[in-house]
Amino acid sequence: VSRKHTVVGLILIFLANVNQTEEALAEMQGLFAKLHL
């Protein structure tokens, strides 16, 4: 496995984690909005 391939893989994993975090935050905000209403 080349080093470049490893770096690309790490970037993809990082982006996937950021995506999941944003989705989780959006879901939490939706739940809080429902609770406050």
N, C-alpha and C. Protein backbone atom coordinates (compact mmCIF):
# COMPACT_ATOMS: atom_id res chain seq x y z
N VAL A 1 0.86 -1.19 0.00
CA VAL A 1 0.00 0.00 0.00
C VAL A 1 0.89 1.24 0.00
N SER A 2 0.67 2.10 -0.98
CA SER A 2 1.48 3.31 -1.06
C SER A 2 1.06 4.31 -0.01
N ARG A 3 1.96 5.22 0.31
CA ARG A 3 1.67 6.23 1.33
C ARG A 3 0.56 7.15 0.85
N LYS A 4 0.57 7.48 -0.44
CA LYS A 4 -0.45 8.37 -0.99
C LYS A 4 -1.83 7.75 -0.82
N HIS A 5 -1.92 6.44 -1.09
CA HIS A 5 -3.21 5.75 -0.96
C HIS A 5 -3.69 5.81 0.49
N THR A 6 -2.75 5.65 1.43
CA THR A 6 -3.10 5.68 2.85
C THR A 6 -3.65 7.06 3.23
N VAL A 7 -2.99 8.11 2.74
CA VAL A 7 -3.42 9.48 3.05
C VAL A 7 -4.82 9.72 2.50
N VAL A 8 -5.07 9.28 1.27
CA VAL A 8 -6.40 9.46 0.66
C VAL A 8 -7.44 8.72 1.49
N GLY A 9 -7.10 7.52 1.94
CA GLY A 9 -8.03 6.73 2.76
C GLY A 9 -8.35 7.45 4.06
N LEU A 10 -7.32 8.01 4.70
CA LEU A 10 -7.54 8.72 5.96
C LEU A 10 -8.42 9.94 5.74
N ILE A 11 -8.22 10.65 4.63
CA ILE A 11 -9.04 11.84 4.33
C ILE A 11 -10.49 11.42 4.12
N LEU A 12 -10.71 10.32 3.40
CA LEU A 12 -12.08 9.85 3.16
C LEU A 12 -12.74 9.47 4.48
N ILE A 13 -12.00 8.79 5.36
CA ILE A 13 -12.55 8.40 6.66
C ILE A 13 -12.87 9.64 7.47
N PHE A 14 -11.96 10.63 7.42
CA PHE A 14 -12.19 11.89 8.17
C PHE A 14 -13.45 12.58 7.67
N LEU A 15 -13.61 12.66 6.35
CA LEU A 15 -14.78 13.32 5.77
C LEU A 15 -16.05 12.57 6.16
N ALA A 16 -15.99 11.24 6.16
CA ALA A 16 -17.16 10.44 6.53
C ALA A 16 -17.53 10.72 7.98
N ASN A 17 -16.53 10.82 8.86
CA ASN A 17 -16.80 11.10 10.28
C ASN A 17 -17.41 12.47 10.45
N VAL A 18 -16.93 13.46 9.70
CA VAL A 18 -17.46 14.82 9.79
C VAL A 18 -18.92 14.81 9.34
N ASN A 19 -19.20 14.06 8.26
CA ASN A 19 -20.56 13.96 7.74
C ASN A 19 -21.48 13.37 8.80
N GLN A 20 -21.05 12.29 9.44
CA GLN A 20 -21.87 11.63 10.46
C GLN A 20 -22.10 12.57 11.64
N THR A 21 -21.08 13.34 11.99
CA THR A 21 -21.20 14.27 13.12
C THR A 21 -22.22 15.35 12.80
N GLU A 22 -22.18 15.88 11.57
CA GLU A 22 -23.12 16.93 11.18
C GLU A 22 -24.54 16.39 11.20
N GLU A 23 -24.72 15.15 10.73
CA GLU A 23 -26.05 14.55 10.72
C GLU A 23 -26.54 14.35 12.15
N ALA A 24 -25.65 13.90 13.03
CA ALA A 24 -26.02 13.67 14.43
C ALA A 24 -26.42 14.99 15.09
N LEU A 25 -25.66 16.06 14.80
CA LEU A 25 -25.97 17.36 15.38
C LEU A 25 -27.32 17.86 14.87
N ALA A 26 -27.59 17.64 13.58
CA ALA A 26 -28.86 18.07 13.01
C ALA A 26 -30.01 17.33 13.68
N GLU A 27 -29.82 16.03 13.92
CA GLU A 27 -30.87 15.23 14.58
C GLU A 27 -31.09 15.73 16.00
N MET A 28 -30.00 16.04 16.71
CA MET A 28 -30.12 16.54 18.08
C MET A 28 -30.84 17.88 18.10
N GLN A 29 -30.52 18.75 17.15
CA GLN A 29 -31.18 20.05 17.08
C GLN A 29 -32.66 19.86 16.83
N GLY A 30 -33.02 18.88 15.99
CA GLY A 30 -34.42 18.61 15.70
C GLY A 30 -35.14 18.13 16.96
N LEU A 31 -34.47 17.27 17.74
CA LEU A 31 -35.08 16.77 18.97
C LEU A 31 -35.27 17.90 19.97
N PHE A 32 -34.27 18.76 20.10
CA PHE A 32 -34.38 19.88 21.04
C PHE A 32 -35.51 20.81 20.62
N ALA A 33 -35.64 21.03 19.31
CA ALA A 33 -36.71 21.91 18.81
C ALA A 33 -38.06 21.33 19.20
N LYS A 34 -38.21 20.01 19.05
CA LYS A 34 -39.49 19.36 19.40
C LYS A 34 -39.74 19.49 20.91
N LEU A 35 -38.71 19.31 21.71
CA LEU A 35 -38.88 19.40 23.17
C LEU A 35 -39.27 20.81 23.59
N HIS A 36 -38.65 21.82 22.98
CA HIS A 36 -38.95 23.20 23.35
C HIS A 36 -40.33 23.61 22.88
N LEU A 37 -40.80 23.02 21.77
CA LEU A 37 -42.15 23.34 21.30
C LEU A 37 -43.12 22.50 22.10
